[in-house]
PDB file of all heavy atoms in Angstrom:
ATOM      1  N   LEU A   1     108.741  90.146  89.493  1.00  0.00           N
ATOM      2  CA  LEU A   1     107.730  89.163  89.084  1.00  0.00           C
ATOM      3  C   LEU A   1     106.780  88.853  90.235  1.00  0.00           C
ATOM      4  O   LEU A   1     105.568  88.719  90.035  1.00  0.00           O
ATOM      5  CB  LEU A   1     108.401  87.879  88.600  1.00  0.00           C
ATOM      6  CG  LEU A   1     109.184  87.967  87.282  1.00  0.00           C
ATOM      7  CD1 LEU A   1     109.859  86.633  86.983  1.00  0.00           C
ATOM      8  CD2 LEU A   1     108.264  88.366  86.141  1.00  0.00           C
ATOM      9  N   CYS A   2     107.318  88.735  91.457  1.00  0.00           N
ATOM     10  CA  CYS A   2     106.476  88.487  92.639  1.00  0.00           C
ATOM     11  C   CYS A   2     105.426  89.582  92.773  1.00  0.00           C
ATOM     12  O   CYS A   2     104.238  89.310  93.008  1.00  0.00           O
ATOM     13  CB  CYS A   2     107.321  88.472  93.913  1.00  0.00           C
ATOM     14  SG  CYS A   2     108.485  87.122  94.057  1.00  0.00           S
ATOM     15  N   ALA A   3     105.870  90.823  92.659  1.00  0.00           N
ATOM     16  CA  ALA A   3     104.965  91.959  92.828  1.00  0.00           C
ATOM     17  C   ALA A   3     103.932  92.022  91.713  1.00  0.00           C
ATOM     18  O   ALA A   3     102.749  92.298  91.957  1.00  0.00           O
ATOM     19  CB  ALA A   3     105.767  93.261  92.888  1.00  0.00           C
ATOM     20  N   LYS A   4     104.370  91.771  90.481  1.00  0.00           N
ATOM     21  CA  LYS A   4     103.443  91.781  89.350  1.00  0.00           C
ATOM     22  C   LYS A   4     102.360  90.716  89.501  1.00  0.00           C
ATOM     23  O   LYS A   4     101.214  90.916  89.094  1.00  0.00           O
ATOM     24  CB  LYS A   4     104.202  91.564  88.036  1.00  0.00           C
ATOM     25  CG  LYS A   4     105.028  92.744  87.583  1.00  0.00           C
ATOM     26  CD  LYS A   4     104.170  93.910  87.125  1.00  0.00           C
ATOM     27  CE  LYS A   4     103.419  93.571  85.830  1.00  0.00           C
ATOM     28  NZ  LYS A   4     102.573  94.720  85.373  1.00  0.00           N
ATOM     29  N   ALA A   5     102.723  89.584  90.095  1.00  0.00           N
ATOM     30  CA  ALA A   5     101.760  88.494  90.290  1.00  0.00           C
ATOM     31  C   ALA A   5     100.835  88.766  91.476  1.00  0.00           C
ATOM     32  O   ALA A   5      99.841  88.063  91.653  1.00  0.00           O
ATOM     33  CB  ALA A   5     102.484  87.171  90.473  1.00  0.00           C
ATOM     34  N   GLY A   6     101.186  89.770  92.302  1.00  0.00           N
ATOM     35  CA  GLY A   6     100.296  90.167  93.394  1.00  0.00           C
ATOM     36  C   GLY A   6     100.609  89.572  94.747  1.00  0.00           C
ATOM     37  O   GLY A   6      99.751  89.564  95.637  1.00  0.00           O
ATOM     38  N   ALA A   7     101.835  89.065  94.940  1.00  0.00           N
ATOM     39  CA  ALA A   7     102.199  88.506  96.248  1.00  0.00           C
ATOM     40  C   ALA A   7     102.061  89.563  97.338  1.00  0.00           C
ATOM     41  O   ALA A   7     102.367  90.736  97.124  1.00  0.00           O
ATOM     42  CB  ALA A   7     103.634  87.987  96.211  1.00  0.00           C
ATOM     43  N   LYS A   8     101.616  89.160  98.522  1.00  0.00           N
ATOM     44  CA  LYS A   8     101.567  90.100  99.641  1.00  0.00           C
ATOM     45  C   LYS A   8     102.970  90.383 100.149  1.00  0.00           C
ATOM     46  O   LYS A   8     103.284  91.509 100.527  1.00  0.00           O
ATOM     47  CB  LYS A   8     100.705  89.542 100.782  1.00  0.00           C
ATOM     48  CG  LYS A   8     100.613  90.527 101.954  1.00  0.00           C
ATOM     49  CD  LYS A   8      99.611  90.110 103.024  1.00  0.00           C
ATOM     50  CE  LYS A   8      99.548  91.187 104.112  1.00  0.00           C
ATOM     51  NZ  LYS A   8      98.582  90.838 105.187  1.00  0.00           N
ATOM     52  N   TYR A   9     103.822  89.335 100.158  1.00  0.00           N
ATOM     53  CA  TYR A   9     105.190  89.488 100.632  1.00  0.00           C
ATOM     54  C   TYR A   9     106.175  88.913  99.613  1.00  0.00           C
ATOM     55  O   TYR A   9     105.863  87.952  98.920  1.00  0.00           O
ATOM     56  CB  TYR A   9     105.414  88.730 101.950  1.00  0.00           C
ATOM     57  CG  TYR A   9     104.551  89.169 103.099  1.00  0.00           C
ATOM     58  CD1 TYR A   9     103.481  88.365 103.538  1.00  0.00           C
ATOM     59  CD2 TYR A   9     104.785  90.363 103.777  1.00  0.00           C
ATOM     60  CE1 TYR A   9     102.693  88.747 104.614  1.00  0.00           C
ATOM     61  CE2 TYR A   9     103.987  90.753 104.846  1.00  0.00           C
ATOM     62  CZ  TYR A   9     102.952  89.946 105.259  1.00  0.00           C
ATOM     63  OH  TYR A   9     102.165  90.334 106.324  1.00  0.00           O
ATOM     64  N   VAL A  10     107.369  89.494  99.569  1.00  0.00           N
ATOM     65  CA  VAL A  10     108.491  88.916  98.838  1.00  0.00           C
ATOM     66  C   VAL A  10     109.612  88.709  99.849  1.00  0.00           C
ATOM     67  O   VAL A  10     109.876  89.571 100.681  1.00  0.00           O
ATOM     68  CB  VAL A  10     108.964  89.822  97.682  1.00  0.00           C
ATOM     69  CG1 VAL A  10     109.406  91.194  98.180  1.00  0.00           C
ATOM     70  CG2 VAL A  10     110.085  89.160  96.901  1.00  0.00           C
ATOM     71  N   SER A  11     110.248  87.534  99.797  1.00  0.00           N
ATOM     72  CA  SER A  11     111.251  87.186 100.804  1.00  0.00           C
ATOM     73  C   SER A  11     112.649  87.037 100.196  1.00  0.00           C
ATOM     74  O   SER A  11     113.050  85.934  99.789  1.00  0.00           O
ATOM     75  CB  SER A  11     110.861  85.880 101.510  1.00  0.00           C
ATOM     76  OG  SER A  11     109.733  86.069 102.330  1.00  0.00           O
ATOM     77  N   PRO A  12     113.424  88.132 100.134  1.00  0.00           N
ATOM     78  CA  PRO A  12     114.830  88.011  99.758  1.00  0.00           C
ATOM     79  C   PRO A  12     115.629  87.406 100.905  1.00  0.00           C
ATOM     80  O   PRO A  12     115.436  87.768 102.062  1.00  0.00           O
ATOM     81  CB  PRO A  12     115.254  89.463  99.487  1.00  0.00           C
ATOM     82  CG  PRO A  12     114.307  90.300 100.294  1.00  0.00           C
ATOM     83  CD  PRO A  12     113.018  89.534 100.371  1.00  0.00           C
ATOM     84  N   PHE A  13     116.533  86.482 100.591  1.00  0.00           N
ATOM     85  CA  PHE A  13     117.280  85.739 101.610  1.00  0.00           C
ATOM     86  C   PHE A  13     118.630  86.412 101.868  1.00  0.00           C
ATOM     87  O   PHE A  13     119.627  86.104 101.210  1.00  0.00           O
ATOM     88  CB  PHE A  13     117.463  84.287 101.163  1.00  0.00           C
ATOM     89  CG  PHE A  13     116.289  83.404 101.484  1.00  0.00           C
ATOM     90  CD1 PHE A  13     114.985  83.857 101.338  1.00  0.00           C
ATOM     91  CD2 PHE A  13     116.491  82.110 101.930  1.00  0.00           C
ATOM     92  CE1 PHE A  13     113.902  83.036 101.637  1.00  0.00           C
ATOM     93  CE2 PHE A  13     115.415  81.278 102.233  1.00  0.00           C
ATOM     94  CZ  PHE A  13     114.113  81.746 102.091  1.00  0.00           C
ATOM     95  N   VAL A  14     118.664  87.286 102.840  1.00  0.00           N
ATOM     96  CA  VAL A  14     119.835  88.113 103.112  1.00  0.00           C
ATOM     97  C   VAL A  14     121.060  87.277 103.464  1.00  0.00           C
ATOM     98  O   VAL A  14     122.141  87.427 102.875  1.00  0.00           O
ATOM     99  CB  VAL A  14     119.518  89.121 104.234  1.00  0.00           C
ATOM    100  CG1 VAL A  14     120.771  89.883 104.634  1.00  0.00           C
ATOM    101  CG2 VAL A  14     118.429  90.084 103.789  1.00  0.00           C
ATOM    102  N   GLY A  15     120.925  86.407 104.461  1.00  0.00           N
ATOM    103  CA  GLY A  15     122.069  85.628 104.921  1.00  0.00           C
ATOM    104  C   GLY A  15     122.648  84.730 103.851  1.00  0.00           C
ATOM    105  O   GLY A  15     123.878  84.611 103.722  1.00  0.00           O
ATOM    106  N   ARG A  16     121.788  84.092 103.077  1.00  0.00           N
ATOM    107  CA  ARG A  16     122.290  83.181 102.043  1.00  0.00           C
ATOM    108  C   ARG A  16     123.017  83.951 100.942  1.00  0.00           C
ATOM    109  O   ARG A  16     123.971  83.432 100.344  1.00  0.00           O
ATOM    110  CB  ARG A  16     121.140  82.356 101.459  1.00  0.00           C
ATOM    111  CG  ARG A  16     120.544  81.375 102.436  1.00  0.00           C
ATOM    112  CD  ARG A  16     119.718  80.328 101.735  1.00  0.00           C
ATOM    113  NE  ARG A  16     118.845  79.625 102.652  1.00  0.00           N
ATOM    114  CZ  ARG A  16     118.013  78.657 102.304  1.00  0.00           C
ATOM    115  NH1 ARG A  16     117.946  78.277 101.032  1.00  0.00           N
ATOM    116  NH2 ARG A  16     117.239  78.065 103.196  1.00  0.00           N
ATOM    117  N   ILE A  17     122.558  85.181 100.653  1.00  0.00           N
ATOM    118  CA  ILE A  17     123.269  86.007  99.671  1.00  0.00           C
ATOM    119  C   ILE A  17     124.634  86.391 100.222  1.00  0.00           C
ATOM    120  O   ILE A  17     125.644  86.349  99.507  1.00  0.00           O
ATOM    121  CB  ILE A  17     122.437  87.255  99.316  1.00  0.00           C
ATOM    122  CG1 ILE A  17     121.178  86.843  98.545  1.00  0.00           C
ATOM    123  CG2 ILE A  17     123.268  88.246  98.490  1.00  0.00           C
ATOM    124  CD1 ILE A  17     120.205  87.969  98.298  1.00  0.00           C
ATOM    125  N   ASP A  18     124.685  86.764 101.496  1.00  0.00           N
ATOM    126  CA  ASP A  18     125.973  87.077 102.129  1.00  0.00           C
ATOM    127  C   ASP A  18     126.941  85.899 102.024  1.00  0.00           C
ATOM    128  O   ASP A  18     128.150  86.090 101.857  1.00  0.00           O
ATOM    129  CB  ASP A  18     125.765  87.430 103.603  1.00  0.00           C
ATOM    130  CG  ASP A  18     125.197  88.824 103.814  1.00  0.00           C
ATOM    131  OD1 ASP A  18     124.912  89.516 102.805  1.00  0.00           O
ATOM    132  OD2 ASP A  18     125.015  89.223 104.972  1.00  0.00           O
ATOM    133  N   ASP A  19     126.398  84.680 102.126  1.00  0.00           N
ATOM    134  CA  ASP A  19     127.242  83.479 102.061  1.00  0.00           C
ATOM    135  C   ASP A  19     127.966  83.350 100.719  1.00  0.00           C
ATOM    136  O   ASP A  19     129.013  82.700 100.627  1.00  0.00           O
ATOM    137  CB  ASP A  19     126.408  82.214 102.288  1.00  0.00           C
ATOM    138  CG  ASP A  19     125.895  82.109 103.723  1.00  0.00           C
ATOM    139  OD1 ASP A  19     126.423  82.806 104.604  1.00  0.00           O
ATOM    140  OD2 ASP A  19     124.953  81.310 103.948  1.00  0.00           O
ATOM    141  N   THR A  20     127.414  83.966  99.676  1.00  0.00           N
ATOM    142  CA  THR A  20     128.023  83.887  98.343  1.00  0.00           C
ATOM    143  C   THR A  20     129.010  85.018  98.089  1.00  0.00           C
ATOM    144  O   THR A  20     129.592  85.110  97.007  1.00  0.00           O
ATOM    145  CB  THR A  20     126.944  83.913  97.240  1.00  0.00           C
ATOM    146  OG1 THR A  20     126.313  85.218  97.220  1.00  0.00           O
ATOM    147  CG2 THR A  20     125.895  82.840  97.458  1.00  0.00           C
ATOM    148  N   GLY A  21     129.177  85.897  99.087  1.00  0.00           N
ATOM    149  CA  GLY A  21     130.116  87.003  98.936  1.00  0.00           C
ATOM    150  C   GLY A  21     129.479  88.309  98.493  1.00  0.00           C
ATOM    151  O   GLY A  21     130.176  89.317  98.328  1.00  0.00           O
ATOM    152  N   TRP A  22     128.158  88.305  98.291  1.00  0.00           N
ATOM    153  CA  TRP A  22     127.443  89.523  97.930  1.00  0.00           C
ATOM    154  C   TRP A  22     126.750  90.086  99.168  1.00  0.00           C
ATOM    155  O   TRP A  22     126.721  89.447 100.217  1.00  0.00           O
ATOM    156  CB  TRP A  22     126.428  89.241  96.814  1.00  0.00           C
ATOM    157  CG  TRP A  22     127.093  88.849  95.528  1.00  0.00           C
ATOM    158  CD1 TRP A  22     127.458  87.584  95.151  1.00  0.00           C
ATOM    159  CD2 TRP A  22     127.504  89.711  94.477  1.00  0.00           C
ATOM    160  NE1 TRP A  22     128.063  87.593  93.933  1.00  0.00           N
ATOM    161  CE2 TRP A  22     128.113  88.893  93.482  1.00  0.00           C
ATOM    162  CE3 TRP A  22     127.430  91.082  94.260  1.00  0.00           C
ATOM    163  CZ2 TRP A  22     128.629  89.419  92.299  1.00  0.00           C
ATOM    164  CZ3 TRP A  22     127.941  91.605  93.077  1.00  0.00           C
ATOM    165  CH2 TRP A  22     128.534  90.774  92.116  1.00  0.00           C
ATOM    166  N   ASP A  23     126.163  91.274  99.032  1.00  0.00           N
ATOM    167  CA  ASP A  23     125.537  91.954 100.168  1.00  0.00           C
ATOM    168  C   ASP A  23     124.023  91.788 100.100  1.00  0.00           C
ATOM    169  O   ASP A  23     123.359  92.416  99.273  1.00  0.00           O
ATOM    170  CB  ASP A  23     125.914  93.445 100.151  1.00  0.00           C
ATOM    171  CG  ASP A  23     125.450  94.192 101.390  1.00  0.00           C
ATOM    172  OD1 ASP A  23     124.635  93.640 102.162  1.00  0.00           O
ATOM    173  OD2 ASP A  23     125.890  95.332 101.595  1.00  0.00           O
ATOM    174  N   GLY A  24     123.484  90.935 100.991  1.00  0.00           N
ATOM    175  CA  GLY A  24     122.052  90.680 100.977  1.00  0.00           C
ATOM    176  C   GLY A  24     121.217  91.891 101.325  1.00  0.00           C
ATOM    177  O   GLY A  24     120.124  92.092 100.768  1.00  0.00           O
ATOM    178  N   VAL A  25     121.705  92.726 102.235  1.00  0.00           N
ATOM    179  CA  VAL A  25     120.954  93.926 102.618  1.00  0.00           C
ATOM    180  C   VAL A  25     120.853  94.885 101.442  1.00  0.00           C
ATOM    181  O   VAL A  25     119.838  95.582 101.269  1.00  0.00           O
ATOM    182  CB  VAL A  25     121.598  94.611 103.837  1.00  0.00           C
ATOM    183  CG1 VAL A  25     120.892  95.930 104.149  1.00  0.00           C
ATOM    184  CG2 VAL A  25     121.554  93.693 105.052  1.00  0.00           C
ATOM    185  N   GLN A  26     121.891  94.927 100.616  1.00  0.00           N
ATOM    186  CA  GLN A  26     121.863  95.787  99.426  1.00  0.00           C
ATOM    187  C   GLN A  26     120.726  95.379  98.493  1.00  0.00           C
ATOM    188  O   GLN A  26     120.064  96.238  97.885  1.00  0.00           O
ATOM    189  CB  GLN A  26     123.204  95.724  98.703  1.00  0.00           C
ATOM    190  CG  GLN A  26     123.361  96.756  97.587  1.00  0.00           C
ATOM    191  CD  GLN A  26     124.766  96.737  97.011  1.00  0.00           C
ATOM    192  OE1 GLN A  26     125.219  95.717  96.476  1.00  0.00           O
ATOM    193  NE2 GLN A  26     125.468  97.848  97.131  1.00  0.00           N
ATOM    194  N   LEU A  27     120.475  94.077  98.384  1.00  0.00           N
ATOM    195  CA  LEU A  27     119.348  93.613  97.563  1.00  0.00           C
ATOM    196  C   LEU A  27     118.024  94.066  98.169  1.00  0.00           C
ATOM    197  O   LEU A  27     117.132  94.511  97.435  1.00  0.00           O
ATOM    198  CB  LEU A  27     119.363  92.084  97.432  1.00  0.00           C
ATOM    199  CG  LEU A  27     118.147  91.487  96.711  1.00  0.00           C
ATOM    200  CD1 LEU A  27     118.050  92.006  95.278  1.00  0.00           C
ATOM    201  CD2 LEU A  27     118.188  89.961  96.739  1.00  0.00           C
ATOM    202  N   VAL A  28     117.889  93.972  99.486  1.00  0.00           N
ATOM    203  CA  VAL A  28     116.671  94.459 100.143  1.00  0.00           C
ATOM    204  C   VAL A  28     116.452  95.927  99.810  1.00  0.00           C
ATOM    205  O   VAL A  28     115.345  96.343  99.453  1.00  0.00           O
ATOM    206  CB  VAL A  28     116.761  94.263 101.675  1.00  0.00           C
ATOM    207  CG1 VAL A  28     115.573  94.944 102.370  1.00  0.00           C
ATOM    208  CG2 VAL A  28     116.799  92.783 102.029  1.00  0.00           C
ATOM    209  N   GLU A  29     117.511  96.711  99.903  1.00  0.00           N
ATOM    210  CA  GLU A  29     117.416  98.146  99.591  1.00  0.00           C
ATOM    211  C   GLU A  29     116.981  98.373  98.145  1.00  0.00           C
ATOM    212  O   GLU A  29     116.142  99.240  97.853  1.00  0.00           O
ATOM    213  CB  GLU A  29     118.761  98.815  99.845  1.00  0.00           C
ATOM    214  CG  GLU A  29     118.757 100.316  99.634  1.00  0.00           C
ATOM    215  CD  GLU A  29     120.088 100.953  99.989  1.00  0.00           C
ATOM    216  OE1 GLU A  29     121.114 100.234 100.012  1.00  0.00           O
ATOM    217  OE2 GLU A  29     120.109 102.169 100.258  1.00  0.00           O
ATOM    218  N   GLN A  30     117.538  97.593  97.228  1.00  0.00           N
ATOM    219  CA  GLN A  30     117.194  97.729  95.809  1.00  0.00           C
ATOM    220  C   GLN A  30     115.724  97.404  95.565  1.00  0.00           C
ATOM    221  O   GLN A  30     115.026  98.127  94.833  1.00  0.00           O
ATOM    222  CB  GLN A  30     118.080  96.809  94.968  1.00  0.00           C
ATOM    223  CG  GLN A  30     117.845  96.932  93.464  1.00  0.00           C
ATOM    224  CD  GLN A  30     118.692  95.946  92.665  1.00  0.00           C
ATOM    225  OE1 GLN A  30     119.074  94.878  93.174  1.00  0.00           O
ATOM    226  NE2 GLN A  30     119.007  96.299  91.425  1.00  0.00           N
ATOM    227  N   ILE A  31     115.233  96.329  96.178  1.00  0.00           N
ATOM    228  CA  ILE A  31     113.827  95.936  95.995  1.00  0.00           C
ATOM    229  C   ILE A  31     112.897  96.987  96.588  1.00  0.00           C
ATOM    230  O   ILE A  31     111.889  97.368  95.972  1.00  0.00           O
ATOM    231  CB  ILE A  31     113.553  94.556  96.616  1.00  0.00           C
ATOM    232  CG1 ILE A  31     114.387  93.482  95.913  1.00  0.00           C
ATOM    233  CG2 ILE A  31     112.066  94.207  96.517  1.00  0.00           C
ATOM    234  CD1 ILE A  31     114.342  92.119  96.606  1.00  0.00           C
ATOM    235  N   VAL A  32     113.217  97.477  97.792  1.00  0.00           N
ATOM    236  CA  VAL A  32     112.403  98.527  98.421  1.00  0.00           C
ATOM    237  C   VAL A  32     112.329  99.742  97.502  1.00  0.00           C
ATOM    238  O   VAL A  32     111.251 100.341  97.312  1.00  0.00           O
ATOM    239  CB  VAL A  32     112.983  98.922  99.795  1.00  0.00           C
ATOM    240  CG1 VAL A  32     112.324 100.196 100.317  1.00  0.00           C
ATOM    241  CG2 VAL A  32     112.808  97.795 100.804  1.00  0.00           C
ATOM    242  N   HIS A  33     113.468 100.117  96.906  1.00  0.00           N
ATOM    243  CA  HIS A  33     113.501 101.282  96.004  1.00  0.00           C
ATOM    244  C   HIS A  33     112.628 101.050  94.774  1.00  0.00           C
ATOM    245  O   HIS A  33     111.818 101.913  94.398  1.00  0.00           O
ATOM    246  CB  HIS A  33     114.941 101.560  95.583  1.00  0.00           C
ATOM    247  CG  HIS A  33     115.059 102.660  94.568  1.00  0.00           C
ATOM    248  ND1 HIS A  33     114.832 103.990  94.859  1.00  0.00           N
ATOM    249  CD2 HIS A  33     115.351 102.613  93.239  1.00  0.00           C
ATOM    250  CE1 HIS A  33     114.994 104.721  93.776  1.00  0.00           C
ATOM    251  NE2 HIS A  33     115.306 103.905  92.776  1.00  0.00           N
ATOM    252  N   ILE A  34     112.780  99.880  94.144  1.00  0.00           N
ATOM    253  CA  ILE A  34     111.992  99.571  92.945  1.00  0.00           C
ATOM    254  C   ILE A  34     110.500  99.581  93.255  1.00  0.00           C
ATOM    255  O   ILE A  34     109.703 100.164  92.503  1.00  0.00           O
ATOM    256  CB  ILE A  34     112.412  98.209  92.361  1.00  0.00           C
ATOM    257  CG1 ILE A  34     113.817  98.295  91.769  1.00  0.00           C
ATOM    258  CG2 ILE A  34     111.412  97.746  91.288  1.00  0.00           C
ATOM    259  CD1 ILE A  34     114.404  96.949  91.370  1.00  0.00           C
ATOM    260  N   TYR A  35     110.120  98.966  94.351  1.00  0.00           N
ATOM    261  CA  TYR A  35     108.707  98.916  94.715  1.00  0.00           C
ATOM    262  C   TYR A  35     108.157 100.319  94.961  1.00  0.00           C
ATOM    263  O   TYR A  35     107.010 100.610  94.601  1.00  0.00           O
ATOM    264  CB  TYR A  35     108.507  98.058  95.968  1.00  0.00           C
ATOM    265  CG  TYR A  35     108.541  96.556  95.715  1.00  0.00           C
ATOM    266  CD1 TYR A  35     108.956  96.019  94.499  1.00  0.00           C
ATOM    267  CD2 TYR A  35     108.156  95.664  96.713  1.00  0.00           C
ATOM    268  CE1 TYR A  35     108.984  94.649  94.288  1.00  0.00           C
ATOM    269  CE2 TYR A  35     108.173  94.287  96.510  1.00  0.00           C
ATOM    270  CZ  TYR A  35     108.599  93.789  95.298  1.00  0.00           C
ATOM    271  OH  TYR A  35     108.620  92.429  95.091  1.00  0.00           O
ATOM    272  N   GLY A  36     108.957 101.176  95.563  1.00  0.00           N
ATOM    273  CA  GLY A  36     108.524 102.545  95.799  1.00  0.00           C
ATOM    274  C   GLY A  36     108.348 103.322  94.506  1.00  0.00           C
ATOM    275  O   GLY A  36     107.353 104.036  94.323  1.00  0.00           O
ATOM    276  N   VAL A  37     109.303 103.170  93.596  1.00  0.00           N
ATOM    277  CA  VAL A  37     109.234 103.861  92.303  1.00  0.00           C
ATOM    278  C   VAL A  37     108.028 103.404  91.498  1.00  0.00           C
ATOM    279  O   VAL A  37     107.310 104.210  90.890  1.00  0.00           O
ATOM    280  CB  VAL A  37     110.541 103.613  91.502  1.00  0.00           C
ATOM    281  CG1 VAL A  37     110.375 104.069  90.054  1.00  0.00           C
ATOM    282  CG2 VAL A  37     111.712 104.334  92.152  1.00  0.00           C
ATOM    283  N   GLN A  38     107.775 102.092  91.523  1.00  0.00           N
ATOM    284  CA  GLN A  38     106.717 101.516  90.700  1.00  0.00           C
ATOM    285  C   GLN A  38     105.354 101.487  91.385  1.00  0.00           C
ATOM    286  O   GLN A  38     104.343 101.193  90.734  1.00  0.00           O
ATOM    287  CB  GLN A  38     107.107 100.087  90.295  1.00  0.00           C
ATOM    288  CG  GLN A  38     108.342 100.018  89.419  1.00  0.00           C
ATOM    289  CD  GLN A  38     108.156 100.736  88.100  1.00  0.00           C
ATOM    290  OE1 GLN A  38     107.056 100.803  87.551  1.00  0.00           O
ATOM    291  NE2 GLN A  38     109.237 101.295  87.577  1.00  0.00           N
ATOM    292  N   GLY A  39     105.316 101.772  92.664  1.00  0.00           N
ATOM    293  CA  GLY A  39     104.046 101.772  93.378  1.00  0.00           C
ATOM    294  C   GLY A  39     103.504 100.383  93.674  1.00  0.00           C
ATOM    295  O   GLY A  39     102.298 100.217  93.887  1.00  0.00           O
ATOM    296  N   PHE A  40     104.389  99.388  93.707  1.00  0.00           N
ATOM    297  CA  PHE A  40     103.950  98.038  94.043  1.00  0.00           C
ATOM    298  C   PHE A  40     103.528  97.976  95.514  1.00  0.00           C
ATOM    299  O   PHE A  40     104.143  98.601  96.377  1.00  0.00           O
ATOM    300  CB  PHE A  40     105.069  97.014  93.806  1.00  0.00           C
ATOM    301  CG  PHE A  40     105.400  96.787  92.363  1.00  0.00           C
ATOM    302  CD1 PHE A  40     106.725  96.706  91.946  1.00  0.00           C
ATOM    303  CD2 PHE A  40     104.405  96.623  91.410  1.00  0.00           C
ATOM    304  CE1 PHE A  40     107.045  96.470  90.620  1.00  0.00           C
ATOM    305  CE2 PHE A  40     104.708  96.403  90.076  1.00  0.00           C
ATOM    306  CZ  PHE A  40     106.035  96.323  89.678  1.00  0.00           C
ATOM    307  N   LYS A  41     102.493  97.201  95.787  1.00  0.00           N
ATOM    308  CA  LYS A  41     101.980  97.067  97.154  1.00  0.00           C
ATOM    309  C   LYS A  41     102.623  95.916  97.918  1.00  0.00           C
ATOM    310  O   LYS A  41     102.456  95.802  99.131  1.00  0.00           O
ATOM    311  CB  LYS A  41     100.458  96.856  97.122  1.00  0.00           C
ATOM    312  CG  LYS A  41      99.691  97.985  96.411  1.00  0.00           C
ATOM    313  CD  LYS A  41      99.939  99.330  97.076  1.00  0.00           C
ATOM    314  CE  LYS A  41      99.132 100.433  96.394  1.00  0.00           C
ATOM    315  NZ  LYS A  41      99.450 101.768  96.966  1.00  0.00           N
ATOM    316  N   THR A  42     103.343  95.056  97.231  1.00  0.00           N
ATOM    317  CA  THR A  42     103.998  93.918  97.873  1.00  0.00           C
ATOM    318  C   THR A  42     104.976  94.403  98.944  1.00  0.00           C
ATOM    319  O   THR A  42     105.729  95.351  98.717  1.00  0.00           O
ATOM    320  CB  THR A  42     104.751  93.079  96.828  1.00  0.00           C
ATOM    321  OG1 THR A  42     103.809  92.609  95.854  1.00  0.00           O
ATOM    322  CG2 THR A  42     105.445  91.884  97.462  1.00  0.00           C
ATOM    323  N   GLN A  43     104.954  93.756 100.101  1.00  0.00           N
ATOM    324  CA  GLN A  43     105.848  94.134 101.186  1.00  0.00           C
ATOM    325  C   GLN A  43     107.138  93.314 101.135  1.00  0.00           C
ATOM    326  O   GLN A  43     107.113  92.117 100.862  1.00  0.00           O
ATOM    327  CB  GLN A  43     105.161  93.908 102.539  1.00  0.00           C
ATOM    328  CG  GLN A  43     103.926  94.772 102.750  1.00  0.00           C
ATOM    329  CD  GLN A  43     103.275  94.515 104.093  1.00  0.00           C
ATOM    330  OE1 GLN A  43     103.947  94.394 105.117  1.00  0.00           O
ATOM    331  NE2 GLN A  43     101.956  94.432 104.101  1.00  0.00           N
ATOM    332  N   VAL A  44     108.255  93.993 101.399  1.00  0.00           N
ATOM    333  CA  VAL A  44     109.555  93.328 101.391  1.00  0.00           C
ATOM    334  C   VAL A  44     109.794  92.707 102.761  1.00  0.00           C
ATOM    335  O   VAL A  44     109.923  93.403 103.764  1.00  0.00           O
ATOM    336  CB  VAL A  44     110.682  94.316 101.049  1.00  0.00           C
ATOM    337  CG1 VAL A  44     112.036  93.586 101.043  1.00  0.00           C
ATOM    338  CG2 VAL A  44     110.427  94.975  99.698  1.00  0.00           C
TER     339      VAL A  44
END
C-alpha cells in the first residue's frame, strides 16, 4: 500500500518484529523481493 500510494520510503521495524518472535530481516527481504518483481520505486 505504501508503494502504491507513492511513498519514497517504507520503514519496516526489524527490531520490534524480532521482539514478537518473528524475523524482522525476513520481512525486509520479502518487501525488497516484491518491490523488485512489481517494479515499485519505493525504497526499503
